[in-house]
């Protein structure tokens, strides 16, 4: 039996002595029922272990994995069609500028 104290600091034996219904209930429990009230071993992997493992992975992802991928992977070259479209648009609008040297407003299409 696991001893405990209540908020007033009374040990469990005195608390049960003050409540005869509680004593009757405790005494009516079978051995199997009484064992379920006592201390039981928890599972081997607890939720707190899983939480700690996922926290380590979270920080390792941002501090180790992503910087490594940034150094290792290289992006592909841009397609030639994008270069042509950007260059054509930038050369076409450069002629439309005001006298002050700032580009003129171009209406949206």
Protein backbone atom coordinates (compact mmCIF):
# COMPACT_ATOMS: atom_id res chain seq x y z
CA UNK A 1 0.00 0.00 0.00
CA UNK A 2 1.30 3.42 -0.91
CA UNK A 3 1.18 5.89 1.93
CA UNK A 4 0.26 9.48 1.19
CA UNK A 5 -0.51 12.61 3.11
CA UNK A 6 -3.41 14.93 2.52
CA UNK A 7 -3.30 18.74 2.39
CA UNK A 8 -3.44 19.01 6.18
CA UNK A 9 -0.40 16.73 6.49
CA UNK A 10 -2.28 13.79 7.98
CA UNK A 11 -0.88 10.42 7.00
CA UNK A 12 -3.20 8.11 5.08
CA UNK A 13 -3.81 5.81 8.02
CA UNK A 14 -5.34 8.67 10.05
CA UNK A 15 -7.43 9.87 7.11
CA UNK A 16 -8.91 6.41 6.60
CA UNK A 17 -9.56 6.13 10.34
CA UNK A 18 -11.69 9.27 10.20
CA UNK A 19 -13.85 7.92 7.34
CA UNK A 20 -15.29 4.49 8.12
CA UNK A 21 -16.77 4.21 4.61
CA UNK A 22 -13.32 4.59 3.11
CA UNK A 23 -11.97 1.91 5.44
CA UNK A 24 -14.78 -0.44 4.46
CA UNK A 25 -14.10 0.19 0.76
CA UNK A 26 -10.35 -0.37 1.18
CA UNK A 27 -10.91 -3.58 3.09
CA UNK A 28 -13.48 -4.88 0.58
CA UNK A 29 -10.99 -4.78 -2.30
CA UNK A 30 -9.60 -8.07 -3.46
CA UNK A 31 -5.89 -8.60 -3.91
CA UNK A 32 -6.16 -7.85 -7.62
CA UNK A 33 -8.15 -4.69 -6.96
CA UNK A 34 -5.79 -3.55 -4.26
CA UNK A 35 -2.79 -4.06 -6.53
CA UNK A 36 -4.28 -1.71 -9.11
CA UNK A 37 -4.28 1.07 -6.51
CA UNK A 38 -0.60 0.57 -5.65
CA UNK A 39 2.47 1.58 -7.59
CA UNK A 40 2.71 0.14 -11.08
CA UNK A 41 5.65 0.35 -13.43
CA UNK A 42 5.05 2.63 -16.37
CA UNK A 43 5.74 1.76 -19.99
CA UNK A 44 9.38 1.53 -21.10
CA UNK A 45 9.06 4.50 -23.45
CA UNK A 46 7.11 7.29 -21.86
CA UNK A 47 5.56 10.29 -23.53
CA UNK A 48 8.21 12.50 -21.98
CA UNK A 49 10.94 10.46 -23.73
CA UNK A 50 9.15 10.86 -27.04
CA UNK A 51 8.82 14.61 -26.42
CA UNK A 52 12.51 14.94 -25.62
CA UNK A 53 13.47 12.98 -28.72
CA UNK A 54 11.27 15.13 -30.96
CA UNK A 55 12.65 18.31 -29.37
CA UNK A 56 16.21 17.22 -30.16
CA UNK A 57 15.19 16.43 -33.74
CA UNK A 58 13.45 19.84 -34.09
CA UNK A 59 16.57 21.78 -33.11
CA UNK A 60 18.90 19.47 -35.03
CA UNK A 61 16.81 20.02 -38.16
CA UNK A 62 17.31 23.79 -38.09
CA UNK A 63 20.84 23.87 -36.69
CA UNK A 64 22.44 20.88 -38.46
CA UNK A 65 20.34 19.42 -41.28
CA UNK A 66 19.23 22.60 -43.09
CA UNK A 67 22.69 24.26 -43.07
CA UNK A 68 24.20 21.02 -44.39
CA UNK A 69 21.62 20.86 -47.18
CA UNK A 70 22.29 24.51 -48.01
CA UNK A 71 25.97 23.76 -48.50
CA UNK A 72 25.49 20.49 -50.34
CA UNK A 73 22.61 21.13 -52.74
CA UNK A 74 22.85 23.49 -55.68
CA UNK A 75 19.81 24.89 -57.48
CA UNK A 76 19.30 24.22 -61.18
CA UNK A 77 20.00 26.97 -63.68
CA UNK A 78 17.08 29.13 -64.68
CA UNK A 79 15.43 28.13 -67.95
CA UNK A 80 16.36 30.23 -70.99
CA UNK A 81 12.72 31.15 -71.55
CA UNK A 82 12.70 33.13 -68.28
CA UNK A 83 15.83 35.04 -69.27
CA UNK A 84 14.33 35.97 -72.63
CA UNK A 85 11.06 37.13 -71.08
CA UNK A 86 12.76 39.24 -68.39
CA UNK A 87 15.27 40.78 -70.76
CA UNK A 88 12.60 41.60 -73.33
CA UNK A 89 10.43 43.30 -70.70
CA UNK A 90 13.31 45.29 -69.20
CA UNK A 91 14.56 46.55 -72.59
CA UNK A 92 11.10 47.50 -73.78
CA UNK A 93 10.24 49.68 -70.74
CA UNK A 94 13.62 51.43 -70.51
CA UNK A 95 12.75 53.82 -73.37
CA UNK A 96 9.69 55.14 -71.54
CA UNK A 97 11.24 57.45 -68.96
CA UNK A 98 10.48 61.00 -67.94
CA UNK A 99 12.80 63.98 -68.28
CA UNK A 100 13.99 63.62 -64.67
CA UNK A 101 15.49 60.18 -65.36
CA UNK A 102 12.96 58.17 -63.39
CA UNK A 103 10.96 55.53 -65.21
CA UNK A 104 7.55 56.60 -66.43
CA UNK A 105 4.45 54.98 -64.98
CA UNK A 106 3.28 52.05 -67.03
CA UNK A 107 -0.42 51.12 -66.79
CA UNK A 108 -1.26 47.61 -65.68
CA UNK A 109 -2.35 45.17 -68.33
